[in-house]
Each structure stands twice: as C-alpha cells, then as structure tokens.
C-alpha cells in the first residue's frame, strides 16, 4: 500500500491515553519522583526508629513524607488533565486527516491548515492496542487511532513504519509494539 489515510475526530480519551503512556513509558520524570517519595518514606521510618523525639516532631516528619509521596503524582495527573481539557476546548470537534506515505506524513486540521512531516522528523513509534504514537520529539507526538484508518490497514502501516523510519545509532528502527496480540488459533 502506497498511502494510508487516517481521518480522526479529536478525542479527549485518546489524548489522555497518549499522555498516560508518555508519563509511564517514555518519560523518566515519574520514576525519579517515585524514587524521591520512597527516599522520604525511608528517611521518615529511619528517623522514627532511631531518634528519640517528641510526638510533634514525629508528626511533622511523617506529614512531610506523606505529603511528598501523594502530592507529586497528584500534581502530574492534574497537569495532564488540565492540558487535555485545554486542548479539547481549542480543538472541539475538529477533524484531523493524516496521509502517511513513504515520503512523508501530511497532517491536516480542518481550520488550521496542513503540516508536512518527514520520516526523518519521527523519533520513534509505539503501538498500543488502540493506536500508534508517533513521537516527533521527547514531548510532542501524533496519535494515529487504528479504528480511524479509512484507506489502508494496520499491517500496511506497520510495514511502512519499519521501511521508512530512520534507524537509530545501532541501526535498528525505533518501533515498539507495547501489547500482545491475541492468537485466533
């Protein structure tokens, strides 16, 4: 297949799924924050067991530990939902059309015009059960919903990705399937 066409209406659900995927699979920030939370918990336990202190200081130490463990993930999720809500307000029911060929990816939004993206601009591609996530940078990507493919099919898109995505330093294509397909045997 020479051309794959994807016609998608903006979906908060898919946008949120992309951010959650990014947060837990592509970004290292969340793990660094979890490490800091675990460290504060360790310090609180160690301080509680070794030091002879009054109950007020003990309560302050544990409050800080719990605060650091709970607050940071809450801030990250609130920020993610805020970004998705803002994007939904701006895009509303906008239809996005992606034309994927061996030369480029053409992205057209109804009222915003079009942008041509060369395969050399695509950093990596991740496939989930419902979509492909094309990363253009560490924080920016395109969501290609599998059910929204109107010309072509998923297997053709996989082949196109493997043939056209630029290889990394090791000579391998940065494409990863992040789910297991059910065998119909």
N, C-alpha and C. Protein backbone atom coordinates (compact mmCIF):
# COMPACT_ATOMS: atom_id res chain seq x y z
N UNK A 1 0.86 -1.18 0.00
CA UNK A 1 0.00 0.00 0.00
C UNK A 1 0.90 1.23 0.00
N UNK A 2 0.61 2.17 -0.90
CA UNK A 2 1.43 3.38 -1.05
C UNK A 2 1.01 4.52 -0.14
N UNK A 3 -0.25 4.53 0.24
CA UNK A 3 -0.75 5.64 1.05
C UNK A 3 -1.76 5.13 2.06
N UNK A 4 -1.58 5.60 3.29
CA UNK A 4 -2.53 5.27 4.35
C UNK A 4 -3.17 6.57 4.79
N UNK A 5 -4.48 6.58 4.85
CA UNK A 5 -5.22 7.78 5.24
C UNK A 5 -5.96 7.49 6.54
N UNK A 6 -5.78 8.41 7.48
CA UNK A 6 -6.43 8.30 8.78
C UNK A 6 -7.26 9.56 8.98
N UNK A 7 -8.53 9.39 9.25
CA UNK A 7 -9.43 10.53 9.48
C UNK A 7 -9.99 10.40 10.89
N UNK A 8 -9.56 11.31 11.77
CA UNK A 8 -9.93 11.22 13.18
C UNK A 8 -10.58 12.49 13.67
N UNK A 9 -11.59 12.32 14.47
CA UNK A 9 -12.18 13.44 15.18
C UNK A 9 -11.47 13.51 16.53
N UNK A 10 -11.22 14.73 17.02
CA UNK A 10 -10.49 14.88 18.28
C UNK A 10 -11.18 14.09 19.39
N UNK A 11 -10.37 13.35 20.14
CA UNK A 11 -10.88 12.52 21.23
C UNK A 11 -10.08 12.79 22.49
N UNK A 12 -10.76 13.29 23.52
CA UNK A 12 -10.10 13.51 24.82
C UNK A 12 -9.56 12.20 25.36
N UNK A 13 -10.30 11.13 25.15
CA UNK A 13 -9.91 9.82 25.67
C UNK A 13 -8.56 9.38 25.08
N UNK A 14 -8.40 9.52 23.76
CA UNK A 14 -7.15 9.10 23.12
C UNK A 14 -6.00 10.03 23.49
N UNK A 15 -6.29 11.32 23.63
CA UNK A 15 -5.27 12.29 24.03
C UNK A 15 -4.77 11.98 25.44
N UNK A 16 -5.69 11.69 26.33
CA UNK A 16 -5.33 11.33 27.70
C UNK A 16 -4.54 10.02 27.73
N UNK A 17 -4.94 9.07 26.90
CA UNK A 17 -4.21 7.79 26.82
C UNK A 17 -2.77 8.02 26.37
N UNK A 18 -2.58 8.94 25.42
CA UNK A 18 -1.23 9.28 24.95
C UNK A 18 -0.40 9.86 26.09
N UNK A 19 -0.97 10.79 26.85
CA UNK A 19 -0.22 11.40 27.96
C UNK A 19 0.10 10.39 29.05
N UNK A 20 -0.82 9.50 29.35
CA UNK A 20 -0.55 8.47 30.36
C UNK A 20 0.54 7.52 29.88
N UNK A 21 0.47 7.14 28.60
CA UNK A 21 1.51 6.29 28.02
C UNK A 21 2.86 6.99 28.14
N UNK A 22 2.87 8.26 27.77
CA UNK A 22 4.10 9.03 27.81
C UNK A 22 4.65 9.13 29.24
N UNK A 23 3.76 9.38 30.17
CA UNK A 23 4.18 9.57 31.55
C UNK A 23 4.83 8.31 32.12
N UNK A 24 4.25 7.13 31.83
CA UNK A 24 4.74 5.91 32.46
C UNK A 24 5.70 5.09 31.60
N UNK A 25 5.75 5.34 30.31
CA UNK A 25 6.61 4.53 29.45
C UNK A 25 7.76 5.30 28.81
N UNK A 26 7.52 6.53 28.47
CA UNK A 26 8.52 7.28 27.72
C UNK A 26 9.29 8.27 28.59
N UNK A 27 8.67 8.78 29.61
CA UNK A 27 9.29 9.79 30.46
C UNK A 27 9.92 9.15 31.69
N UNK A 28 11.05 9.68 32.10
CA UNK A 28 11.71 9.18 33.31
C UNK A 28 11.37 10.03 34.53
N UNK A 29 10.69 11.14 34.33
CA UNK A 29 10.37 12.04 35.44
C UNK A 29 9.56 11.33 36.53
N UNK A 30 8.57 10.56 36.13
CA UNK A 30 7.69 9.91 37.10
C UNK A 30 8.48 8.95 37.99
N UNK A 31 9.46 8.25 37.41
CA UNK A 31 10.25 7.31 38.19
C UNK A 31 11.20 8.04 39.14
N UNK A 32 11.72 9.16 38.70
CA UNK A 32 12.57 9.97 39.56
C UNK A 32 11.76 10.48 40.75
N UNK A 33 10.53 10.91 40.49
CA UNK A 33 9.67 11.42 41.55
C UNK A 33 9.29 10.29 42.52
N UNK A 34 9.02 9.11 41.97
CA UNK A 34 8.72 7.96 42.84
C UNK A 34 9.92 7.60 43.71
N UNK A 35 11.11 7.73 43.16
CA UNK A 35 12.33 7.45 43.92
C UNK A 35 12.49 8.45 45.06
N UNK A 36 12.21 9.70 44.79
CA UNK A 36 12.28 10.72 45.84
C UNK A 36 11.25 10.43 46.93
N UNK A 37 10.03 10.05 46.55
CA UNK A 37 8.99 9.70 47.52
C UNK A 37 9.40 8.52 48.37
N UNK A 38 9.99 7.49 47.76
CA UNK A 38 10.44 6.32 48.51
C UNK A 38 11.58 6.70 49.47
N UNK A 39 12.44 7.60 49.01
CA UNK A 39 13.54 8.04 49.86
C UNK A 39 13.02 8.81 51.07
N UNK A 40 12.03 9.68 50.88
CA UNK A 40 11.48 10.43 52.02
C UNK A 40 10.78 9.48 53.00
N UNK A 41 10.13 8.47 52.47
CA UNK A 41 9.50 7.47 53.33
C UNK A 41 10.56 6.71 54.13
N UNK A 42 11.63 6.33 53.47
CA UNK A 42 12.73 5.65 54.15
C UNK A 42 13.29 6.53 55.27
N UNK A 43 13.52 7.80 54.97
CA UNK A 43 14.05 8.71 55.99
C UNK A 43 13.09 8.86 57.17
N UNK A 44 11.80 8.92 56.89
CA UNK A 44 10.82 9.04 57.97
C UNK A 44 10.83 7.81 58.86
N UNK A 45 10.89 6.62 58.26
CA UNK A 45 10.93 5.38 59.04
C UNK A 45 12.22 5.31 59.86
N UNK A 46 13.32 5.61 59.21
CA UNK A 46 14.61 5.56 59.91
C UNK A 46 14.66 6.56 61.07
N UNK A 47 14.17 7.74 60.82
CA UNK A 47 14.16 8.78 61.85
C UNK A 47 13.25 8.38 63.01
N UNK A 48 12.14 7.75 62.67
CA UNK A 48 11.19 7.33 63.72
C UNK A 48 11.76 6.24 64.60
N UNK A 49 12.52 5.33 64.03
CA UNK A 49 13.06 4.20 64.78
C UNK A 49 14.32 4.53 65.56
N UNK A 50 15.10 5.49 65.07
CA UNK A 50 16.39 5.73 65.72
C UNK A 50 16.41 6.94 66.65
N UNK A 51 15.59 7.89 66.41
CA UNK A 51 15.67 9.12 67.20
C UNK A 51 14.63 9.11 68.31
N UNK A 52 15.03 9.67 69.42
CA UNK A 52 14.07 9.87 70.49
C UNK A 52 13.57 11.30 70.35
N UNK A 53 12.35 11.43 69.91
CA UNK A 53 11.82 12.78 69.70
C UNK A 53 10.42 12.89 70.24
N UNK A 54 10.00 14.11 70.36
CA UNK A 54 8.64 14.32 70.86
C UNK A 54 7.64 14.05 69.74
N UNK A 55 6.39 13.77 70.11
CA UNK A 55 5.36 13.43 69.12
C UNK A 55 5.12 14.52 68.07
N UNK A 56 5.33 15.77 68.42
CA UNK A 56 5.10 16.84 67.44
C UNK A 56 6.10 16.75 66.30
N UNK A 57 7.38 16.56 66.60
CA UNK A 57 8.39 16.43 65.55
C UNK A 57 8.16 15.17 64.71
N UNK A 58 7.77 14.11 65.37
CA UNK A 58 7.49 12.86 64.66
C UNK A 58 6.33 13.06 63.68
N UNK A 59 5.31 13.77 64.12
CA UNK A 59 4.17 14.04 63.25
C UNK A 59 4.58 14.92 62.06
N UNK A 60 5.45 15.87 62.28
CA UNK A 60 5.92 16.73 61.19
C UNK A 60 6.71 15.93 60.16
N UNK A 61 7.59 15.05 60.62
CA UNK A 61 8.39 14.21 59.71
C UNK A 61 7.48 13.33 58.86
N UNK A 62 6.52 12.68 59.49
CA UNK A 62 5.62 11.81 58.74
C UNK A 62 4.70 12.60 57.82
N UNK A 63 4.27 13.76 58.23
CA UNK A 63 3.43 14.61 57.37
C UNK A 63 4.19 15.01 56.10
N UNK A 64 5.45 15.38 56.26
CA UNK A 64 6.27 15.74 55.10
C UNK A 64 6.47 14.54 54.17
N UNK A 65 6.70 13.37 54.74
CA UNK A 65 6.90 12.17 53.92
C UNK A 65 5.64 11.83 53.13
N UNK A 66 4.51 11.83 53.80
CA UNK A 66 3.24 11.51 53.12
C UNK A 66 2.90 12.59 52.10
N UNK A 67 3.14 13.83 52.44
CA UNK A 67 2.89 14.95 51.54
C UNK A 67 3.72 14.80 50.27
N UNK A 68 5.00 14.45 50.40
CA UNK A 68 5.85 14.31 49.21
C UNK A 68 5.45 13.10 48.36
N UNK A 69 4.98 12.05 49.01
CA UNK A 69 4.57 10.86 48.26
C UNK A 69 3.27 11.10 47.49
N UNK A 70 2.31 11.76 48.10
CA UNK A 70 1.00 11.95 47.49
C UNK A 70 0.89 13.18 46.59
N UNK A 71 1.56 14.24 46.92
CA UNK A 71 1.38 15.49 46.21
C UNK A 71 1.93 15.46 44.79
N UNK A 72 3.10 14.94 44.60
CA UNK A 72 3.74 14.99 43.30
C UNK A 72 2.95 14.24 42.21
N UNK A 73 2.54 12.98 42.44
CA UNK A 73 1.72 12.33 41.41
C UNK A 73 0.40 13.06 41.16
N UNK A 74 -0.16 13.61 42.23
CA UNK A 74 -1.41 14.34 42.08
C UNK A 74 -1.20 15.58 41.21
N UNK A 75 -0.11 16.28 41.39
CA UNK A 75 0.19 17.45 40.57
C UNK A 75 0.38 17.04 39.11
N UNK A 76 1.09 15.94 38.87
CA UNK A 76 1.32 15.49 37.50
C UNK A 76 0.02 15.10 36.81
N UNK A 77 -0.85 14.40 37.51
CA UNK A 77 -2.13 14.00 36.90
C UNK A 77 -3.02 15.21 36.68
N UNK A 78 -3.03 16.14 37.63
CA UNK A 78 -3.84 17.35 37.47
C UNK A 78 -3.36 18.15 36.27
N UNK A 79 -2.05 18.25 36.11
CA UNK A 79 -1.49 18.97 34.97
C UNK A 79 -1.86 18.29 33.65
N UNK A 80 -1.79 16.97 33.62
CA UNK A 80 -2.16 16.22 32.42
C UNK A 80 -3.62 16.46 32.06
N UNK A 81 -4.51 16.33 33.03
CA UNK A 81 -5.94 16.57 32.77
C UNK A 81 -6.18 18.01 32.34
N UNK A 82 -5.44 18.95 32.89
CA UNK A 82 -5.58 20.35 32.52
C UNK A 82 -5.17 20.58 31.06
N UNK A 83 -4.07 19.97 30.64
CA UNK A 83 -3.62 20.09 29.24
C UNK A 83 -4.65 19.51 28.30
N UNK A 84 -5.18 18.34 28.62
CA UNK A 84 -6.18 17.69 27.77
C UNK A 84 -7.45 18.53 27.71
N UNK A 85 -7.87 19.07 28.84
CA UNK A 85 -9.08 19.91 28.87
C UNK A 85 -8.89 21.15 28.00
N UNK A 86 -7.72 21.79 28.08
CA UNK A 86 -7.43 22.98 27.28
C UNK A 86 -7.42 22.64 25.79
N UNK A 87 -6.77 21.54 25.45
CA UNK A 87 -6.71 21.10 24.05
C UNK A 87 -8.11 20.77 23.53
N UNK A 88 -8.93 20.14 24.35
CA UNK A 88 -10.30 19.81 23.95
C UNK A 88 -11.10 21.07 23.69
N UNK A 89 -10.89 22.09 24.52
CA UNK A 89 -11.59 23.36 24.34
C UNK A 89 -11.19 24.03 23.03
N UNK A 90 -9.91 23.94 22.69
CA UNK A 90 -9.41 24.57 21.46
C UNK A 90 -9.81 23.79 20.22
N UNK A 91 -9.74 22.46 20.29
CA UNK A 91 -9.98 21.64 19.09
C UNK A 91 -11.43 21.23 18.92
N UNK A 92 -12.19 21.18 19.99
CA UNK A 92 -13.61 20.78 19.98
C UNK A 92 -13.83 19.56 19.11
N UNK A 93 -14.59 19.70 18.03
CA UNK A 93 -14.89 18.57 17.16
C UNK A 93 -14.08 18.60 15.87
N UNK A 94 -12.87 19.13 15.93
CA UNK A 94 -12.02 19.24 14.76
C UNK A 94 -11.68 17.86 14.21
N UNK A 95 -11.69 17.77 12.88
CA UNK A 95 -11.30 16.54 12.22
C UNK A 95 -9.86 16.68 11.73
N UNK A 96 -9.05 15.68 12.04
CA UNK A 96 -7.66 15.65 11.62
C UNK A 96 -7.51 14.56 10.58
N UNK A 97 -6.85 14.88 9.48
CA UNK A 97 -6.61 13.89 8.43
C UNK A 97 -5.10 13.72 8.30
N UNK A 98 -4.66 12.48 8.43
CA UNK A 98 -3.25 12.15 8.25
C UNK A 98 -3.11 11.31 7.00
N UNK A 99 -2.24 11.74 6.10
CA UNK A 99 -1.91 10.96 4.91
C UNK A 99 -0.47 10.50 5.09
N UNK A 100 -0.30 9.21 5.24
CA UNK A 100 1.03 8.65 5.50
C UNK A 100 1.50 7.93 4.25
N UNK A 101 2.61 8.42 3.70
CA UNK A 101 3.21 7.81 2.51
C UNK A 101 4.66 7.47 2.83
N UNK A 102 5.34 6.89 1.84
CA UNK A 102 6.75 6.53 2.07
C UNK A 102 7.64 7.76 2.17
N UNK A 103 7.16 8.91 1.69
CA UNK A 103 7.97 10.13 1.71
C UNK A 103 7.73 11.01 2.93
N UNK A 104 6.48 11.02 3.40
CA UNK A 104 6.16 11.97 4.47
C UNK A 104 4.84 11.61 5.15
N UNK A 105 4.55 12.38 6.20
CA UNK A 105 3.26 12.31 6.89
C UNK A 105 2.67 13.70 6.75
N UNK A 106 1.53 13.79 6.10
CA UNK A 106 0.85 15.07 5.93
C UNK A 106 -0.29 15.15 6.93
N UNK A 107 -0.24 16.15 7.78
CA UNK A 107 -1.27 16.33 8.82
C UNK A 107 -2.09 17.56 8.47
N UNK A 108 -3.40 17.36 8.32
CA UNK A 108 -4.31 18.47 8.02
C UNK A 108 -5.37 18.56 9.11
N UNK A 109 -5.52 19.77 9.63
CA UNK A 109 -6.61 20.07 10.56
C UNK A 109 -7.60 20.94 9.82
N UNK A 110 -8.88 20.74 10.09
CA UNK A 110 -9.94 21.45 9.37
C UNK A 110 -9.70 22.94 9.22
N UNK A 111 -9.47 23.63 10.30
CA UNK A 111 -9.40 25.09 10.25
C UNK A 111 -8.00 25.63 10.44
N UNK A 112 -7.02 24.76 10.61
CA UNK A 112 -5.69 25.24 10.93
C UNK A 112 -4.67 25.04 9.80
N UNK A 113 -5.04 24.42 8.71
CA UNK A 113 -4.10 24.20 7.62
C UNK A 113 -3.43 22.85 7.72
N UNK A 114 -2.30 22.72 7.03
CA UNK A 114 -1.62 21.42 7.00
C UNK A 114 -0.13 21.58 7.28
N UNK A 115 0.46 20.47 7.71
CA UNK A 115 1.88 20.42 8.01
C UNK A 115 2.43 19.12 7.45
N UNK A 116 3.54 19.21 6.73
CA UNK A 116 4.21 18.02 6.21
C UNK A 116 5.35 17.65 7.15
N UNK A 117 5.38 16.40 7.54
CA UNK A 117 6.39 15.89 8.46
C UNK A 117 7.16 14.79 7.75
N UNK A 118 8.46 14.98 7.64
CA UNK A 118 9.29 13.95 7.02
C UNK A 118 9.55 12.81 7.99
N UNK A 119 9.82 11.64 7.45
CA UNK A 119 10.09 10.49 8.32
C UNK A 119 11.33 10.74 9.18
N UNK A 120 12.25 11.57 8.69
CA UNK A 120 13.46 11.88 9.46
C UNK A 120 13.12 12.69 10.72
N UNK A 121 11.93 13.30 10.78
CA UNK A 121 11.49 14.03 11.96
C UNK A 121 10.86 13.13 13.02
N UNK A 122 10.54 11.91 12.66
CA UNK A 122 9.90 10.99 13.59
C UNK A 122 10.99 10.29 14.41
N UNK A 123 10.94 10.50 15.71
CA UNK A 123 11.92 9.95 16.64
C UNK A 123 11.71 8.46 16.86
N UNK A 124 10.47 8.10 17.18
CA UNK A 124 10.13 6.72 17.48
C UNK A 124 8.63 6.53 17.33
N UNK A 125 8.23 5.26 17.22
CA UNK A 125 6.81 4.92 17.10
C UNK A 125 6.52 3.79 18.08
N UNK A 126 5.44 3.96 18.83
CA UNK A 126 4.97 2.94 19.77
C UNK A 126 3.56 2.53 19.36
N UNK A 127 3.32 1.24 19.35
CA UNK A 127 2.00 0.73 19.01
C UNK A 127 1.34 0.18 20.26
N UNK A 128 0.13 0.66 20.54
CA UNK A 128 -0.67 0.11 21.63
C UNK A 128 -1.83 -0.66 21.01
N UNK A 129 -2.68 -1.17 21.84
CA UNK A 129 -3.83 -1.94 21.35
C UNK A 129 -4.73 -1.09 20.44
N UNK A 130 -4.88 0.20 20.76
CA UNK A 130 -5.82 1.05 20.04
C UNK A 130 -5.20 2.05 19.09
N UNK A 131 -3.90 2.32 19.23
CA UNK A 131 -3.33 3.42 18.45
C UNK A 131 -1.83 3.25 18.23
N UNK A 132 -1.31 4.08 17.33
CA UNK A 132 0.12 4.26 17.14
C UNK A 132 0.47 5.64 17.67
N UNK A 133 1.58 5.74 18.40
CA UNK A 133 2.05 7.03 18.90
C UNK A 133 3.34 7.36 18.17
N UNK A 134 3.29 8.37 17.30
CA UNK A 134 4.46 8.83 16.56
C UNK A 134 5.09 9.96 17.37
N UNK A 135 6.29 9.74 17.91
CA UNK A 135 6.98 10.78 18.67
C UNK A 135 7.83 11.62 17.72
N UNK A 136 7.58 12.92 17.73
CA UNK A 136 8.35 13.85 16.91
C UNK A 136 9.49 14.46 17.73
N UNK A 137 9.32 14.47 19.03
CA UNK A 137 10.35 14.92 19.98
C UNK A 137 10.05 14.24 21.30
N UNK A 138 10.79 14.62 22.32
CA UNK A 138 10.58 13.98 23.63
C UNK A 138 9.21 14.27 24.21
N UNK A 139 8.60 15.39 23.83
CA UNK A 139 7.32 15.80 24.42
C UNK A 139 6.19 15.95 23.41
N UNK A 140 6.45 15.77 22.13
CA UNK A 140 5.44 16.03 21.11
C UNK A 140 5.22 14.79 20.25
N UNK A 141 3.96 14.53 19.93
CA UNK A 141 3.68 13.35 19.13
C UNK A 141 2.37 13.43 18.39
N UNK A 142 2.15 12.45 17.54
CA UNK A 142 0.90 12.29 16.80
C UNK A 142 0.25 10.99 17.25
N UNK A 143 -1.05 11.01 17.37
CA UNK A 143 -1.81 9.82 17.73
C UNK A 143 -2.54 9.35 16.49
N UNK A 144 -2.26 8.11 16.08
CA UNK A 144 -2.94 7.50 14.94
C UNK A 144 -3.83 6.40 15.49
N UNK A 145 -5.12 6.66 15.52
CA UNK A 145 -6.08 5.70 16.06
C UNK A 145 -6.33 4.62 15.00
N UNK A 146 -6.16 3.37 15.39
CA UNK A 146 -6.29 2.26 14.45
C UNK A 146 -7.67 2.19 13.81
N UNK A 147 -8.72 2.42 14.60
CA UNK A 147 -10.08 2.33 14.06
C UNK A 147 -10.42 3.47 13.10
N UNK A 148 -9.60 4.51 13.06
CA UNK A 148 -9.86 5.66 12.19
C UNK A 148 -9.15 5.56 10.85
N UNK A 149 -8.48 4.46 10.58
CA UNK A 149 -7.81 4.28 9.28
C UNK A 149 -8.89 4.04 8.23
N UNK A 150 -8.97 4.94 7.24
CA UNK A 150 -10.00 4.82 6.20
C UNK A 150 -9.45 4.28 4.88
N UNK A 151 -8.16 4.41 4.66
CA UNK A 151 -7.54 3.87 3.46
C UNK A 151 -6.28 3.13 3.90
N UNK A 152 -6.25 1.82 3.74
CA UNK A 152 -5.13 1.02 4.20
C UNK A 152 -5.54 0.22 5.42
N UNK A 153 -4.56 -0.40 6.04
CA UNK A 153 -4.83 -1.20 7.23
C UNK A 153 -3.64 -1.12 8.19
N UNK A 154 -3.81 -1.72 9.34
CA UNK A 154 -2.80 -1.66 10.40
C UNK A 154 -1.50 -2.33 9.95
N UNK A 155 -1.61 -3.47 9.31
CA UNK A 155 -0.41 -4.19 8.86
C UNK A 155 0.38 -3.38 7.84
N UNK A 156 -0.31 -2.70 6.95
CA UNK A 156 0.37 -1.83 5.97
C UNK A 156 1.09 -0.69 6.66
N UNK A 157 0.46 -0.14 7.69
CA UNK A 157 1.10 0.95 8.44
C UNK A 157 2.34 0.44 9.17
N UNK A 158 2.27 -0.74 9.76
CA UNK A 158 3.44 -1.33 10.41
C UNK A 158 4.59 -1.48 9.42
N UNK A 159 4.27 -2.01 8.23
CA UNK A 159 5.30 -2.20 7.20
C UNK A 159 5.91 -0.86 6.79
N UNK A 160 5.07 0.15 6.63
CA UNK A 160 5.54 1.47 6.23
C UNK A 160 6.46 2.06 7.32
N UNK A 161 6.09 1.87 8.56
CA UNK A 161 6.92 2.36 9.67
C UNK A 161 8.28 1.67 9.64
N UNK A 162 8.29 0.36 9.50
CA UNK A 162 9.56 -0.38 9.50
C UNK A 162 10.44 -0.05 8.31
N UNK A 163 9.85 0.29 7.18
CA UNK A 163 10.63 0.62 5.98
C UNK A 163 11.12 2.07 5.98
N UNK A 164 10.35 2.99 6.54
CA UNK A 164 10.65 4.41 6.36
C UNK A 164 11.19 5.13 7.59
N UNK A 165 11.00 4.58 8.76
CA UNK A 165 11.50 5.23 9.98
C UNK A 165 13.02 5.15 9.97
N UNK A 166 13.67 6.26 10.27
CA UNK A 166 15.14 6.27 10.24
C UNK A 166 15.69 5.40 11.36
N UNK A 167 16.75 4.66 11.07
CA UNK A 167 17.34 3.80 12.09
C UNK A 167 18.06 4.62 13.17
N UNK A 168 18.14 4.05 14.38
CA UNK A 168 18.86 4.72 15.46
C UNK A 168 20.36 4.44 15.31
N UNK A 169 21.14 4.79 16.31
CA UNK A 169 22.60 4.64 16.26
C UNK A 169 23.04 3.18 16.11
N UNK A 170 22.20 2.28 16.58
CA UNK A 170 22.52 0.85 16.49
C UNK A 170 22.05 0.24 15.18
N UNK A 171 21.41 1.05 14.33
CA UNK A 171 20.94 0.57 13.05
C UNK A 171 19.55 -0.06 13.09
N UNK A 172 18.88 0.06 14.21
CA UNK A 172 17.54 -0.50 14.35
C UNK A 172 16.50 0.61 14.29
N UNK A 173 15.33 0.25 13.83
CA UNK A 173 14.21 1.20 13.78
C UNK A 173 13.59 1.31 15.16
N UNK A 174 13.28 2.53 15.60
CA UNK A 174 12.70 2.76 16.93
C UNK A 174 11.18 2.58 16.89
N UNK A 175 10.76 1.35 16.66
CA UNK A 175 9.35 0.98 16.64
C UNK A 175 9.16 -0.12 17.67
N UNK A 176 8.16 0.05 18.53
CA UNK A 176 7.92 -0.96 19.56
C UNK A 176 6.44 -1.22 19.70
N UNK A 177 6.10 -2.48 19.74
CA UNK A 177 4.73 -2.91 19.98
C UNK A 177 4.58 -3.11 21.48
N UNK A 178 3.64 -2.40 22.09
CA UNK A 178 3.50 -2.40 23.56
C UNK A 178 2.30 -3.20 24.04
N UNK A 179 1.95 -4.23 23.33
CA UNK A 179 0.85 -5.09 23.74
C UNK A 179 1.03 -6.45 23.07
N UNK A 180 0.32 -7.42 23.55
CA UNK A 180 0.36 -8.75 22.94
C UNK A 180 -0.92 -8.99 22.21
N UNK A 181 -0.81 -9.39 20.96
CA UNK A 181 -2.00 -9.69 20.17
C UNK A 181 -2.52 -11.07 20.56
N UNK A 182 -3.83 -11.20 20.56
CA UNK A 182 -4.46 -12.48 20.86
C UNK A 182 -4.39 -13.34 19.61
N UNK A 183 -3.96 -14.57 19.78
CA UNK A 183 -3.93 -15.51 18.66
C UNK A 183 -5.31 -16.12 18.50
N UNK A 184 -5.74 -16.23 17.26
CA UNK A 184 -7.06 -16.79 16.98
C UNK A 184 -6.95 -18.26 16.59
N UNK A 185 -6.05 -18.98 17.23
CA UNK A 185 -5.86 -20.41 16.91
C UNK A 185 -6.87 -21.26 17.61
